[in-house]
Amino acid sequence: MPFNISTFKTEIANYGYLQTNKYQIYVTPPPILRGSSLSVPSVGSSSSNPLPNLVSTQDISQRLMFRADAINVPSVTLAVQDVNRYGVGIAQKQPFNASFNTLNATFISDGYGEIWQFWYQWMQSVFQFSGNDSSTGQGNQASFYNNSGNYSLHYKDDYSTTISLIIYDNYGNAIQIIDYTQAYPYAVNDIQLNWNDSNQLLKINVAIAFTDFMIQNSSVGAGAVAF
């Protein structure tokens, strides 16, 4: 049928559209970090006069929803292979698996580095790649080795969690809620610092792996084939 601008405008008016700037991300701390606190510098701290302040991981995780600057919703791809239906002739693409891309999220850093430390400590809880800083260990070789990384891997149930992404319409209604299960960060990507970048915000880009994902309340209605 020929294109009709009135039909097009009616379609948009009736069914609306979603925008890419109306979303929130909810990050629940994994079991290994729940109930724990991070030691971060407090107001008035300096290198010569450190004033530690304890901030719970739960408080930091709630702050993430306000500082998620950009998020890439992972794509879904069916892995296929060429199969000759009768052993010869034209090949058909036959699916045999599904794969998901990485969930990438960029967060605006807070003024005390709490969000940066949150992701750092989470990755530490996955794989112990470095030790804990200790004021008593500075300049002491024995203390240094006691606080160094032991390169141990924890159980996935301890360091993984569910991350939810909510997409809203223009009226603040939640339209899509996507849950990523057994999620954990596997990379905090490069952060470029430059003396020439004045008034630029420091942003932390995190690559998050997950096992499965689901869109809440998404199902096939009556009359569909049951599996």
N, C-alpha and C. Protein backbone atom coordinates (compact mmCIF):
# COMPACT_ATOMS: atom_id res chain seq x y z
N MET A 1 0.84 -1.19 0.00
CA MET A 1 0.00 0.00 0.00
C MET A 1 0.88 1.24 0.00
N PRO A 2 0.45 2.33 -0.61
CA PRO A 2 1.27 3.54 -0.68
C PRO A 2 1.41 4.17 0.71
N PHE A 3 2.52 4.88 0.88
CA PHE A 3 2.76 5.54 2.16
C PHE A 3 1.76 6.67 2.38
N ASN A 4 1.24 6.73 3.62
CA ASN A 4 0.26 7.74 3.97
C ASN A 4 0.73 8.43 5.25
N ILE A 5 1.01 9.71 5.18
CA ILE A 5 1.54 10.43 6.34
C ILE A 5 0.54 10.45 7.49
N SER A 6 -0.75 10.50 7.18
CA SER A 6 -1.76 10.52 8.24
C SER A 6 -1.78 9.19 9.00
N THR A 7 -1.64 8.10 8.27
CA THR A 7 -1.58 6.78 8.92
C THR A 7 -0.35 6.67 9.80
N PHE A 8 0.75 7.19 9.30
CA PHE A 8 1.99 7.17 10.07
C PHE A 8 1.84 7.97 11.37
N LYS A 9 1.29 9.17 11.29
CA LYS A 9 1.10 10.01 12.48
C LYS A 9 0.13 9.38 13.45
N THR A 10 -0.88 8.70 12.95
CA THR A 10 -1.84 8.02 13.83
C THR A 10 -1.17 6.87 14.57
N GLU A 11 -0.32 6.14 13.87
CA GLU A 11 0.41 5.03 14.50
C GLU A 11 1.27 5.52 15.66
N ILE A 12 2.03 6.60 15.42
CA ILE A 12 2.90 7.15 16.46
C ILE A 12 2.07 7.69 17.61
N ALA A 13 0.98 8.37 17.32
CA ALA A 13 0.13 8.95 18.36
C ALA A 13 -0.52 7.86 19.22
N ASN A 14 -0.90 6.76 18.60
CA ASN A 14 -1.60 5.70 19.34
C ASN A 14 -0.65 4.85 20.17
N TYR A 15 0.53 4.55 19.64
CA TYR A 15 1.42 3.60 20.30
C TYR A 15 2.69 4.24 20.87
N GLY A 16 2.93 5.50 20.56
CA GLY A 16 4.04 6.21 21.17
C GLY A 16 5.40 5.65 20.78
N TYR A 17 6.40 5.92 21.64
CA TYR A 17 7.78 5.48 21.37
C TYR A 17 8.54 5.52 22.69
N LEU A 18 9.64 4.82 22.73
CA LEU A 18 10.54 4.86 23.88
C LEU A 18 11.79 5.65 23.53
N GLN A 19 12.38 6.27 24.55
CA GLN A 19 13.59 7.04 24.34
C GLN A 19 14.77 6.38 25.07
N THR A 20 15.96 6.69 24.61
CA THR A 20 17.15 6.03 25.14
C THR A 20 17.68 6.67 26.42
N ASN A 21 17.07 7.76 26.88
CA ASN A 21 17.59 8.47 28.05
C ASN A 21 16.70 8.33 29.28
N LYS A 22 15.79 7.39 29.27
CA LYS A 22 14.89 7.20 30.41
C LYS A 22 15.04 5.76 30.92
N TYR A 23 15.95 5.59 31.85
CA TYR A 23 16.25 4.26 32.36
C TYR A 23 16.85 4.37 33.75
N GLN A 24 16.87 3.26 34.44
CA GLN A 24 17.57 3.12 35.72
C GLN A 24 18.16 1.72 35.80
N ILE A 25 19.27 1.63 36.50
CA ILE A 25 19.89 0.32 36.71
C ILE A 25 19.95 0.07 38.21
N TYR A 26 19.56 -1.13 38.60
CA TYR A 26 19.58 -1.53 40.01
C TYR A 26 20.62 -2.63 40.18
N VAL A 27 21.62 -2.33 40.99
CA VAL A 27 22.70 -3.28 41.24
C VAL A 27 22.63 -3.71 42.70
N THR A 28 22.28 -4.95 42.93
CA THR A 28 22.26 -5.50 44.28
C THR A 28 23.64 -6.05 44.60
N PRO A 29 24.26 -5.64 45.72
CA PRO A 29 25.57 -6.19 46.05
C PRO A 29 25.53 -7.70 46.14
N PRO A 30 26.58 -8.39 45.69
CA PRO A 30 26.61 -9.85 45.79
C PRO A 30 26.70 -10.29 47.25
N PRO A 31 26.36 -11.54 47.54
CA PRO A 31 26.40 -12.01 48.93
C PRO A 31 27.72 -11.74 49.64
N ILE A 32 28.84 -11.84 48.92
CA ILE A 32 30.14 -11.69 49.58
C ILE A 32 30.39 -10.25 50.03
N LEU A 33 29.64 -9.27 49.47
CA LEU A 33 29.81 -7.87 49.87
C LEU A 33 28.66 -7.34 50.70
N ARG A 34 27.58 -8.10 50.84
CA ARG A 34 26.44 -7.61 51.59
C ARG A 34 26.77 -7.49 53.08
N GLY A 35 26.31 -6.41 53.67
CA GLY A 35 26.56 -6.19 55.08
C GLY A 35 27.95 -5.68 55.39
N SER A 36 28.74 -5.37 54.35
CA SER A 36 30.11 -4.90 54.55
C SER A 36 30.20 -3.42 54.21
N SER A 37 31.31 -2.81 54.59
CA SER A 37 31.53 -1.39 54.36
C SER A 37 32.89 -1.18 53.71
N LEU A 38 33.00 -0.08 52.97
CA LEU A 38 34.26 0.31 52.36
C LEU A 38 34.84 1.48 53.13
N SER A 39 36.14 1.48 53.30
CA SER A 39 36.82 2.58 53.96
C SER A 39 37.26 3.58 52.91
N VAL A 40 36.69 4.78 52.96
CA VAL A 40 36.99 5.81 51.97
C VAL A 40 37.37 7.09 52.69
N PRO A 41 38.10 8.00 52.03
CA PRO A 41 38.48 9.27 52.67
C PRO A 41 37.24 10.10 52.99
N SER A 42 37.27 10.77 54.11
CA SER A 42 36.17 11.64 54.50
C SER A 42 36.56 13.09 54.27
N VAL A 43 35.62 14.00 54.52
CA VAL A 43 35.87 15.43 54.32
C VAL A 43 37.02 15.87 55.22
N GLY A 44 37.97 16.59 54.64
CA GLY A 44 39.11 17.07 55.41
C GLY A 44 40.30 16.15 55.36
N SER A 45 40.19 15.03 54.64
CA SER A 45 41.31 14.09 54.55
C SER A 45 42.41 14.65 53.68
N SER A 46 43.62 14.19 53.95
CA SER A 46 44.78 14.51 53.12
C SER A 46 45.75 13.36 53.22
N SER A 47 46.77 13.37 52.37
CA SER A 47 47.75 12.28 52.40
C SER A 47 48.49 12.23 53.73
N SER A 48 48.67 13.40 54.37
CA SER A 48 49.37 13.44 55.65
C SER A 48 48.44 13.26 56.83
N ASN A 49 47.13 13.44 56.58
CA ASN A 49 46.17 13.31 57.67
C ASN A 49 44.93 12.58 57.17
N PRO A 50 45.05 11.27 56.92
CA PRO A 50 43.91 10.52 56.40
C PRO A 50 42.81 10.38 57.44
N LEU A 51 41.59 10.63 57.02
CA LEU A 51 40.44 10.50 57.90
C LEU A 51 39.48 9.50 57.28
N PRO A 52 39.62 8.22 57.63
CA PRO A 52 38.78 7.20 56.99
C PRO A 52 37.32 7.32 57.38
N ASN A 53 36.47 6.93 56.46
CA ASN A 53 35.04 6.94 56.69
C ASN A 53 34.47 5.65 56.14
N LEU A 54 33.62 4.97 56.91
CA LEU A 54 33.05 3.71 56.48
C LEU A 54 31.71 3.95 55.78
N VAL A 55 31.59 3.41 54.57
CA VAL A 55 30.36 3.54 53.78
C VAL A 55 29.90 2.14 53.40
N SER A 56 28.65 1.84 53.66
CA SER A 56 28.15 0.49 53.38
C SER A 56 28.05 0.27 51.88
N THR A 57 28.29 -0.95 51.46
CA THR A 57 28.18 -1.30 50.04
C THR A 57 26.74 -1.14 49.55
N GLN A 58 25.77 -1.32 50.44
CA GLN A 58 24.37 -1.15 50.06
C GLN A 58 24.09 0.30 49.69
N ASP A 59 24.63 1.26 50.46
CA ASP A 59 24.43 2.67 50.16
C ASP A 59 25.07 3.04 48.82
N ILE A 60 26.25 2.49 48.56
CA ILE A 60 26.93 2.80 47.30
C ILE A 60 26.16 2.22 46.12
N SER A 61 25.65 1.00 46.28
CA SER A 61 24.91 0.38 45.18
C SER A 61 23.64 1.16 44.84
N GLN A 62 22.99 1.73 45.85
CA GLN A 62 21.80 2.53 45.59
C GLN A 62 22.15 3.83 44.87
N ARG A 63 23.36 4.32 45.10
CA ARG A 63 23.78 5.55 44.44
C ARG A 63 24.07 5.33 42.96
N LEU A 64 24.32 4.09 42.58
CA LEU A 64 24.67 3.80 41.19
C LEU A 64 23.55 4.17 40.23
N MET A 65 22.30 4.03 40.66
CA MET A 65 21.19 4.29 39.75
C MET A 65 21.13 5.76 39.32
N PHE A 66 21.71 6.66 40.13
CA PHE A 66 21.70 8.07 39.80
C PHE A 66 22.92 8.48 38.98
N ARG A 67 23.91 7.61 38.89
CA ARG A 67 25.16 7.96 38.23
C ARG A 67 25.46 7.08 37.01
N ALA A 68 24.48 6.32 36.58
CA ALA A 68 24.67 5.50 35.37
C ALA A 68 24.54 6.40 34.15
N ASP A 69 25.66 6.80 33.61
CA ASP A 69 25.68 7.77 32.51
C ASP A 69 25.29 7.14 31.18
N ALA A 70 25.71 5.90 30.96
CA ALA A 70 25.41 5.23 29.69
C ALA A 70 25.43 3.72 29.91
N ILE A 71 24.55 3.03 29.22
CA ILE A 71 24.45 1.57 29.32
C ILE A 71 24.21 0.99 27.93
N ASN A 72 24.95 -0.04 27.60
CA ASN A 72 24.71 -0.78 26.35
C ASN A 72 23.91 -2.03 26.67
N VAL A 73 22.69 -2.12 26.19
CA VAL A 73 21.89 -3.31 26.38
C VAL A 73 22.46 -4.41 25.49
N PRO A 74 22.86 -5.53 26.06
CA PRO A 74 23.52 -6.58 25.27
C PRO A 74 22.61 -7.14 24.17
N SER A 75 23.23 -7.47 23.07
CA SER A 75 22.49 -8.10 21.98
C SER A 75 22.36 -9.60 22.23
N VAL A 76 21.41 -10.20 21.55
CA VAL A 76 21.20 -11.66 21.60
C VAL A 76 21.43 -12.20 20.20
N THR A 77 22.25 -13.21 20.11
CA THR A 77 22.58 -13.80 18.82
C THR A 77 22.40 -15.30 18.87
N LEU A 78 21.74 -15.84 17.87
CA LEU A 78 21.65 -17.29 17.74
C LEU A 78 22.84 -17.79 16.93
N ALA A 79 23.58 -18.72 17.52
CA ALA A 79 24.68 -19.33 16.79
C ALA A 79 24.11 -20.33 15.79
N VAL A 80 24.53 -20.22 14.54
CA VAL A 80 23.98 -21.07 13.50
C VAL A 80 25.12 -21.74 12.73
N GLN A 81 24.79 -22.82 12.09
CA GLN A 81 25.74 -23.48 11.21
C GLN A 81 25.00 -23.92 9.94
N ASP A 82 25.74 -23.96 8.86
CA ASP A 82 25.15 -24.35 7.59
C ASP A 82 24.94 -25.86 7.55
N VAL A 83 23.72 -26.27 7.23
CA VAL A 83 23.37 -27.68 7.16
C VAL A 83 22.69 -27.94 5.82
N ASN A 84 23.13 -28.96 5.13
CA ASN A 84 22.47 -29.38 3.89
C ASN A 84 21.30 -30.28 4.25
N ARG A 85 20.12 -29.83 3.94
CA ARG A 85 18.91 -30.54 4.37
C ARG A 85 18.88 -31.99 3.92
N TYR A 86 19.30 -32.26 2.72
CA TYR A 86 19.29 -33.63 2.18
C TYR A 86 20.72 -34.15 1.99
N GLY A 87 21.65 -33.52 2.67
CA GLY A 87 23.04 -33.93 2.51
C GLY A 87 23.73 -33.26 1.35
N VAL A 88 22.96 -32.75 0.42
CA VAL A 88 23.49 -32.03 -0.73
C VAL A 88 22.57 -30.85 -1.00
N GLY A 89 22.95 -30.05 -1.95
CA GLY A 89 22.08 -28.95 -2.34
C GLY A 89 22.29 -27.70 -1.50
N ILE A 90 21.28 -26.84 -1.51
CA ILE A 90 21.37 -25.54 -0.84
C ILE A 90 21.46 -25.74 0.68
N ALA A 91 22.36 -25.00 1.30
CA ALA A 91 22.54 -25.08 2.75
C ALA A 91 21.55 -24.18 3.46
N GLN A 92 21.10 -24.64 4.62
CA GLN A 92 20.23 -23.85 5.48
C GLN A 92 20.98 -23.54 6.78
N LYS A 93 20.69 -22.41 7.35
CA LYS A 93 21.30 -22.04 8.62
C LYS A 93 20.47 -22.64 9.76
N GLN A 94 21.08 -23.52 10.52
CA GLN A 94 20.41 -24.22 11.60
C GLN A 94 20.93 -23.71 12.95
N PRO A 95 20.07 -23.16 13.81
CA PRO A 95 20.54 -22.67 15.11
C PRO A 95 20.87 -23.83 16.05
N PHE A 96 21.91 -23.64 16.86
CA PHE A 96 22.27 -24.68 17.82
C PHE A 96 22.63 -24.12 19.19
N ASN A 97 22.68 -22.77 19.31
CA ASN A 97 23.01 -22.18 20.60
C ASN A 97 22.62 -20.71 20.58
N ALA A 98 22.67 -20.07 21.75
CA ALA A 98 22.42 -18.63 21.86
C ALA A 98 23.58 -18.01 22.61
N SER A 99 23.92 -16.79 22.26
CA SER A 99 25.00 -16.09 22.95
C SER A 99 24.58 -14.65 23.21
N PHE A 100 25.12 -14.09 24.31
CA PHE A 100 24.81 -12.72 24.70
C PHE A 100 26.10 -11.91 24.76
N ASN A 101 26.00 -10.67 24.33
CA ASN A 101 27.15 -9.78 24.47
C ASN A 101 27.26 -9.28 25.91
N THR A 102 28.34 -8.60 26.19
CA THR A 102 28.60 -8.09 27.53
C THR A 102 27.70 -6.90 27.85
N LEU A 103 27.29 -6.82 29.12
CA LEU A 103 26.57 -5.64 29.61
C LEU A 103 27.61 -4.60 30.01
N ASN A 104 27.66 -3.49 29.27
CA ASN A 104 28.61 -2.41 29.54
C ASN A 104 27.88 -1.22 30.16
N ALA A 105 28.42 -0.71 31.25
CA ALA A 105 27.80 0.43 31.92
C ALA A 105 28.88 1.44 32.29
N THR A 106 28.55 2.72 32.14
CA THR A 106 29.46 3.80 32.49
C THR A 106 28.85 4.63 33.61
N PHE A 107 29.62 4.83 34.68
CA PHE A 107 29.13 5.54 35.85
C PHE A 107 29.97 6.80 36.09
N ILE A 108 29.30 7.88 36.46
CA ILE A 108 29.99 9.11 36.83
C ILE A 108 30.52 8.94 38.25
N SER A 109 31.79 9.16 38.45
CA SER A 109 32.41 8.95 39.75
C SER A 109 31.92 9.99 40.76
N ASP A 110 31.79 9.57 42.00
CA ASP A 110 31.50 10.52 43.08
C ASP A 110 32.79 11.18 43.52
N GLY A 111 32.69 12.20 44.37
CA GLY A 111 33.85 12.97 44.77
C GLY A 111 34.80 12.27 45.70
N TYR A 112 34.42 11.13 46.26
CA TYR A 112 35.27 10.41 47.20
C TYR A 112 35.77 9.07 46.65
N GLY A 113 35.43 8.78 45.41
CA GLY A 113 35.91 7.54 44.80
C GLY A 113 35.22 6.30 45.32
N GLU A 114 34.05 6.45 45.94
CA GLU A 114 33.36 5.30 46.52
C GLU A 114 32.90 4.32 45.45
N ILE A 115 32.38 4.84 44.34
CA ILE A 115 31.88 3.98 43.27
C ILE A 115 33.04 3.22 42.62
N TRP A 116 34.15 3.89 42.44
CA TRP A 116 35.34 3.24 41.87
C TRP A 116 35.78 2.10 42.79
N GLN A 117 35.85 2.36 44.09
CA GLN A 117 36.25 1.32 45.04
C GLN A 117 35.25 0.18 45.10
N PHE A 118 33.97 0.51 44.93
CA PHE A 118 32.94 -0.53 44.96
C PHE A 118 33.20 -1.59 43.89
N TRP A 119 33.45 -1.14 42.66
CA TRP A 119 33.69 -2.09 41.58
C TRP A 119 35.04 -2.78 41.75
N TYR A 120 36.02 -2.07 42.25
CA TYR A 120 37.34 -2.67 42.51
C TYR A 120 37.23 -3.79 43.54
N GLN A 121 36.54 -3.52 44.65
CA GLN A 121 36.41 -4.53 45.69
C GLN A 121 35.55 -5.71 45.23
N TRP A 122 34.58 -5.43 44.38
CA TRP A 122 33.76 -6.53 43.85
C TRP A 122 34.63 -7.45 43.00
N MET A 123 35.47 -6.90 42.16
CA MET A 123 36.35 -7.73 41.34
C MET A 123 37.35 -8.47 42.23
N GLN A 124 37.78 -7.82 43.31
CA GLN A 124 38.66 -8.49 44.27
C GLN A 124 37.96 -9.70 44.90
N SER A 125 36.66 -9.58 45.12
CA SER A 125 35.92 -10.69 45.73
C SER A 125 35.74 -11.85 44.77
N VAL A 126 35.87 -11.57 43.47
CA VAL A 126 35.80 -12.65 42.47
C VAL A 126 37.12 -13.41 42.45
N PHE A 127 38.19 -12.64 42.29
CA PHE A 127 39.53 -13.23 42.20
C PHE A 127 40.49 -12.33 42.97
N GLN A 128 41.10 -12.88 44.00
CA GLN A 128 41.97 -12.10 44.89
C GLN A 128 43.29 -11.80 44.18
N PHE A 129 43.32 -10.68 43.44
CA PHE A 129 44.51 -10.37 42.65
C PHE A 129 45.46 -9.41 43.34
N SER A 130 45.07 -8.80 44.46
CA SER A 130 45.98 -7.94 45.21
C SER A 130 45.57 -7.93 46.67
N GLY A 131 46.46 -7.47 47.50
CA GLY A 131 46.20 -7.48 48.94
C GLY A 131 45.47 -6.24 49.40
N ASN A 132 45.22 -6.18 50.70
CA ASN A 132 44.57 -5.03 51.30
C ASN A 132 45.61 -4.05 51.81
N ASP A 133 45.38 -2.76 51.55
CA ASP A 133 46.30 -1.74 52.02
C ASP A 133 46.24 -1.66 53.53
N SER A 134 47.38 -1.51 54.16
CA SER A 134 47.44 -1.42 55.62
C SER A 134 48.49 -0.40 56.02
N SER A 135 48.12 0.51 56.94
CA SER A 135 49.06 1.54 57.37
C SER A 135 50.24 0.92 58.12
N THR A 136 49.99 -0.22 58.79
CA THR A 136 51.08 -0.87 59.53
C THR A 136 51.99 -1.65 58.61
N GLY A 137 51.55 -1.89 57.38
CA GLY A 137 52.34 -2.70 56.47
C GLY A 137 53.27 -1.89 55.60
N GLN A 138 53.15 -0.56 55.61
CA GLN A 138 53.99 0.26 54.77
C GLN A 138 55.43 0.21 55.26
N GLY A 139 56.33 -0.16 54.35
CA GLY A 139 57.73 -0.23 54.69
C GLY A 139 58.11 -1.49 55.44
N ASN A 140 57.19 -2.41 55.60
CA ASN A 140 57.47 -3.64 56.34
C ASN A 140 57.29 -4.81 55.39
N GLN A 141 58.39 -5.50 55.09
CA GLN A 141 58.34 -6.55 54.07
C GLN A 141 57.43 -7.69 54.48
N ALA A 142 57.47 -8.11 55.75
CA ALA A 142 56.63 -9.21 56.19
C ALA A 142 55.16 -8.85 56.07
N SER A 143 54.81 -7.62 56.46
CA SER A 143 53.42 -7.19 56.35
C SER A 143 52.99 -7.09 54.90
N PHE A 144 53.94 -6.68 54.04
CA PHE A 144 53.61 -6.57 52.62
C PHE A 144 53.18 -7.92 52.06
N TYR A 145 53.93 -8.97 52.36
CA TYR A 145 53.59 -10.29 51.83
C TYR A 145 52.33 -10.84 52.47
N ASN A 146 52.06 -10.49 53.73
CA ASN A 146 50.84 -10.95 54.36
C ASN A 146 49.61 -10.31 53.72
N ASN A 147 49.78 -9.08 53.18
CA ASN A 147 48.66 -8.36 52.59
C ASN A 147 48.60 -8.48 51.08
N SER A 148 49.49 -9.27 50.49
CA SER A 148 49.51 -9.39 49.03
C SER A 148 48.43 -10.37 48.58
N GLY A 149 48.15 -10.35 47.28
CA GLY A 149 47.11 -11.21 46.75
C GLY A 149 47.47 -12.68 46.82
N ASN A 150 46.48 -13.51 47.09
CA ASN A 150 46.73 -14.96 47.13
C ASN A 150 46.19 -15.66 45.89
N TYR A 151 45.61 -14.88 44.95
CA TYR A 151 45.17 -15.40 43.65
C TYR A 151 44.19 -16.56 43.80
N SER A 152 43.26 -16.42 44.71
CA SER A 152 42.23 -17.44 44.90
C SER A 152 40.93 -17.00 44.25
N LEU A 153 40.19 -17.96 43.74
CA LEU A 153 38.91 -17.72 43.09
C LEU A 153 37.79 -18.14 44.03
N HIS A 154 36.82 -17.26 44.23
CA HIS A 154 35.70 -17.58 45.11
C HIS A 154 34.60 -18.29 44.33
N TYR A 155 33.62 -18.80 45.06
CA TYR A 155 32.48 -19.47 44.44
C TYR A 155 31.58 -18.44 43.74
N LYS A 156 31.06 -18.83 42.60
CA LYS A 156 30.26 -17.89 41.80
C LYS A 156 29.01 -17.46 42.54
N ASP A 157 28.41 -18.33 43.32
CA ASP A 157 27.21 -17.96 44.08
C ASP A 157 27.51 -16.85 45.08
N ASP A 158 28.78 -16.71 45.48
CA ASP A 158 29.14 -15.68 46.46
C ASP A 158 29.38 -14.33 45.81
N TYR A 159 29.92 -14.31 44.58
CA TYR A 159 30.29 -13.02 43.98
C TYR A 159 29.35 -12.55 42.88
N SER A 160 28.35 -13.35 42.53
CA SER A 160 27.41 -12.94 41.47
C SER A 160 26.09 -12.48 42.07
N THR A 161 25.34 -11.73 41.29
CA THR A 161 24.07 -11.18 41.77
C THR A 161 23.15 -10.95 40.58
N THR A 162 21.99 -10.36 40.84
CA THR A 162 21.05 -10.00 39.77
C THR A 162 21.08 -8.50 39.58
N ILE A 163 21.24 -8.08 38.35
CA ILE A 163 21.23 -6.66 37.99
C ILE A 163 19.99 -6.41 37.12
N SER A 164 19.22 -5.40 37.49
CA SER A 164 17.98 -5.10 36.77
C SER A 164 18.10 -3.77 36.05
N LEU A 165 17.64 -3.76 34.81
CA LEU A 165 17.60 -2.54 34.00
C LEU A 165 16.15 -2.22 33.70
N ILE A 166 15.74 -1.01 34.05
CA ILE A 166 14.35 -0.59 33.87
C ILE A 166 14.31 0.54 32.85
N ILE A 167 13.46 0.40 31.86
CA ILE A 167 13.28 1.42 30.82
C ILE A 167 11.88 2.02 30.98
N TYR A 168 11.82 3.35 31.03
CA TYR A 168 10.57 4.06 31.30
C TYR A 168 10.05 4.75 30.04
N ASP A 169 8.73 5.02 30.05
CA ASP A 169 8.16 5.85 29.00
C ASP A 169 8.22 7.31 29.43
N ASN A 170 7.63 8.18 28.64
CA ASN A 170 7.70 9.62 28.93
C ASN A 170 6.88 10.03 30.14
N TYR A 171 6.09 9.11 30.68
CA TYR A 171 5.26 9.42 31.84
C TYR A 171 5.79 8.77 33.12
N GLY A 172 6.98 8.17 33.03
CA GLY A 172 7.58 7.56 34.20
C GLY A 172 7.09 6.16 34.49
N ASN A 173 6.39 5.54 33.56
CA ASN A 173 5.93 4.17 33.74
C ASN A 173 7.02 3.18 33.30
N ALA A 174 7.23 2.15 34.10
CA ALA A 174 8.21 1.12 33.74
C ALA A 174 7.65 0.26 32.61
N ILE A 175 8.29 0.28 31.47
CA ILE A 175 7.81 -0.45 30.29
C ILE A 175 8.55 -1.77 30.12
N GLN A 176 9.85 -1.73 30.27
CA GLN A 176 10.66 -2.94 30.14
C GLN A 176 11.51 -3.09 31.40
N ILE A 177 11.44 -4.25 32.02
CA ILE A 177 12.32 -4.57 33.15
C ILE A 177 13.11 -5.82 32.76
N ILE A 178 14.42 -5.65 32.65
CA ILE A 178 15.29 -6.74 32.20
C ILE A 178 16.17 -7.15 33.37
N ASP A 179 16.12 -8.43 33.72
CA ASP A 179 16.92 -8.97 34.81
C ASP A 179 18.09 -9.77 34.23
N TYR A 180 19.30 -9.44 34.68
CA TYR A 180 20.50 -10.17 34.29
C TYR A 180 20.95 -10.99 35.50
N THR A 181 20.93 -12.30 35.37
CA THR A 181 21.20 -13.18 36.51
C THR A 181 22.66 -13.62 36.54
N GLN A 182 23.12 -13.94 37.75
CA GLN A 182 24.51 -14.35 37.97
C GLN A 182 25.48 -13.37 37.33
N ALA A 183 25.24 -12.09 37.58
CA ALA A 183 26.04 -11.03 36.99
C ALA A 183 27.20 -10.65 37.91
N TYR A 184 28.31 -10.29 37.31
CA TYR A 184 29.47 -9.82 38.07
C TYR A 184 30.39 -9.04 37.13
N PRO A 185 31.15 -8.08 37.65
CA PRO A 185 32.07 -7.32 36.79
C PRO A 185 33.33 -8.12 36.50
N TYR A 186 33.75 -8.11 35.26
CA TYR A 186 35.01 -8.78 34.92
C TYR A 186 36.05 -7.81 34.36
N ALA A 187 35.67 -6.54 34.20
CA ALA A 187 36.65 -5.55 33.75
C ALA A 187 36.20 -4.15 34.15
N VAL A 188 37.12 -3.41 34.74
CA VAL A 188 36.97 -1.96 34.88
C VAL A 188 37.93 -1.37 33.86
N ASN A 189 37.39 -0.81 32.82
CA ASN A 189 38.20 -0.42 31.67
C ASN A 189 39.04 0.83 31.94
N ASP A 190 39.92 1.12 30.99
CA ASP A 190 40.86 2.23 31.14
C ASP A 190 40.12 3.53 31.45
N ILE A 191 40.72 4.31 32.34
CA ILE A 191 40.21 5.65 32.66
C ILE A 191 41.30 6.64 32.27
N GLN A 192 41.02 7.45 31.28
CA GLN A 192 42.04 8.37 30.78
C GLN A 192 42.02 9.67 31.58
N LEU A 193 43.18 10.06 32.08
CA LEU A 193 43.36 11.34 32.77
C LEU A 193 44.25 12.24 31.92
N ASN A 194 43.91 13.51 31.87
CA ASN A 194 44.65 14.43 30.99
C ASN A 194 44.61 15.83 31.60
N TRP A 195 45.79 16.44 31.76
CA TRP A 195 45.86 17.78 32.31
C TRP A 195 45.08 18.78 31.46
N ASN A 196 44.95 18.51 30.18
CA ASN A 196 44.28 19.46 29.29
C ASN A 196 42.75 19.36 29.33
N ASP A 197 42.24 18.32 29.97
CA ASP A 197 40.79 18.15 30.04
C ASP A 197 40.26 18.89 31.27
N SER A 198 39.89 20.12 31.09
CA SER A 198 39.34 20.89 32.20
C SER A 198 37.83 20.72 32.25
N ASN A 199 37.30 20.64 33.48
CA ASN A 199 35.86 20.52 33.71
C ASN A 199 35.26 19.27 33.07
N GLN A 200 36.06 18.20 32.99
CA GLN A 200 35.57 16.93 32.48
C GLN A 200 35.29 15.98 33.65
N LEU A 201 34.22 15.24 33.55
CA LEU A 201 33.84 14.32 34.61
C LEU A 201 34.60 13.01 34.48
N LEU A 202 35.05 12.48 35.60
CA LEU A 202 35.70 11.17 35.60
C LEU A 202 34.60 10.10 35.54
N LYS A 203 34.72 9.21 34.57
CA LYS A 203 33.71 8.18 34.37
C LYS A 203 34.35 6.80 34.43
N ILE A 204 33.62 5.87 35.00
CA ILE A 204 34.11 4.51 35.20
C ILE A 204 33.29 3.58 34.31
N ASN A 205 33.96 2.93 33.38
CA ASN A 205 33.29 2.00 32.49
C ASN A 205 33.53 0.57 32.96
N VAL A 206 32.44 -0.15 33.18
CA VAL A 206 32.51 -1.49 33.74
C VAL A 206 31.90 -2.49 32.75
N ALA A 207 32.62 -3.59 32.51
CA ALA A 207 32.10 -4.68 31.69
C ALA A 207 31.58 -5.76 32.62
N ILE A 208 30.33 -6.14 32.42
CA ILE A 208 29.65 -7.06 33.33
C ILE A 208 29.25 -8.32 32.57
N ALA A 209 29.66 -9.45 33.10
CA ALA A 209 29.26 -10.74 32.54
C ALA A 209 28.01 -11.23 33.25
N PHE A 210 27.23 -12.04 32.57
CA PHE A 210 26.03 -12.62 33.18
C PHE A 210 25.74 -13.95 32.50
N THR A 211 24.92 -14.77 33.18
CA THR A 211 24.62 -16.10 32.64
C THR A 211 23.37 -16.08 31.77
N ASP A 212 22.29 -15.52 32.30
CA ASP A 212 21.01 -15.47 31.58
C ASP A 212 20.38 -14.10 31.76
N PHE A 213 19.39 -13.83 30.95
CA PHE A 213 18.60 -12.62 31.17
C PHE A 213 17.16 -12.91 30.78
N MET A 214 16.25 -12.13 31.35
CA MET A 214 14.83 -12.29 31.04
C MET A 214 14.16 -10.92 31.10
N ILE A 215 13.16 -10.74 30.24
CA ILE A 215 12.32 -9.55 30.29
C ILE A 215 11.09 -9.91 31.11
N GLN A 216 10.89 -9.21 32.20
CA GLN A 216 9.79 -9.53 33.10
C GLN A 216 8.44 -9.38 32.39
N ASN A 217 7.52 -10.27 32.75
CA ASN A 217 6.14 -10.26 32.25
C ASN A 217 6.07 -10.39 30.73
N SER A 218 7.08 -11.01 30.15
CA SER A 218 7.06 -11.26 28.71
C SER A 218 6.73 -12.73 28.48
N SER A 219 5.64 -12.98 27.78
CA SER A 219 5.22 -14.36 27.55
C SER A 219 4.42 -14.43 26.26
N VAL A 220 4.14 -15.63 25.84
CA VAL A 220 3.34 -15.86 24.65
C VAL A 220 1.91 -16.16 25.09
N GLY A 221 0.95 -15.51 24.46
CA GLY A 221 -0.44 -15.65 24.87
C GLY A 221 -1.05 -16.98 24.47
N ALA A 222 -2.32 -17.12 24.82
CA ALA A 222 -3.08 -18.34 24.53
C ALA A 222 -3.10 -18.62 23.03
N GLY A 223 -3.06 -19.90 22.73
CA GLY A 223 -3.09 -20.32 21.33
C GLY A 223 -1.73 -20.62 20.78
N ALA A 224 -0.68 -20.25 21.53
CA ALA A 224 0.67 -20.56 21.07
C ALA A 224 1.01 -22.00 21.42
N VAL A 225 1.98 -22.53 20.73
CA VAL A 225 2.41 -23.90 20.98
C VAL A 225 3.14 -23.96 22.30
N ALA A 226 2.79 -24.87 23.18
CA ALA A 226 3.43 -25.02 24.49
C ALA A 226 4.65 -25.91 24.35
N PHE A 227 5.71 -25.55 25.03
CA PHE A 227 6.93 -26.36 25.01
C PHE A 227 7.12 -27.01 26.36
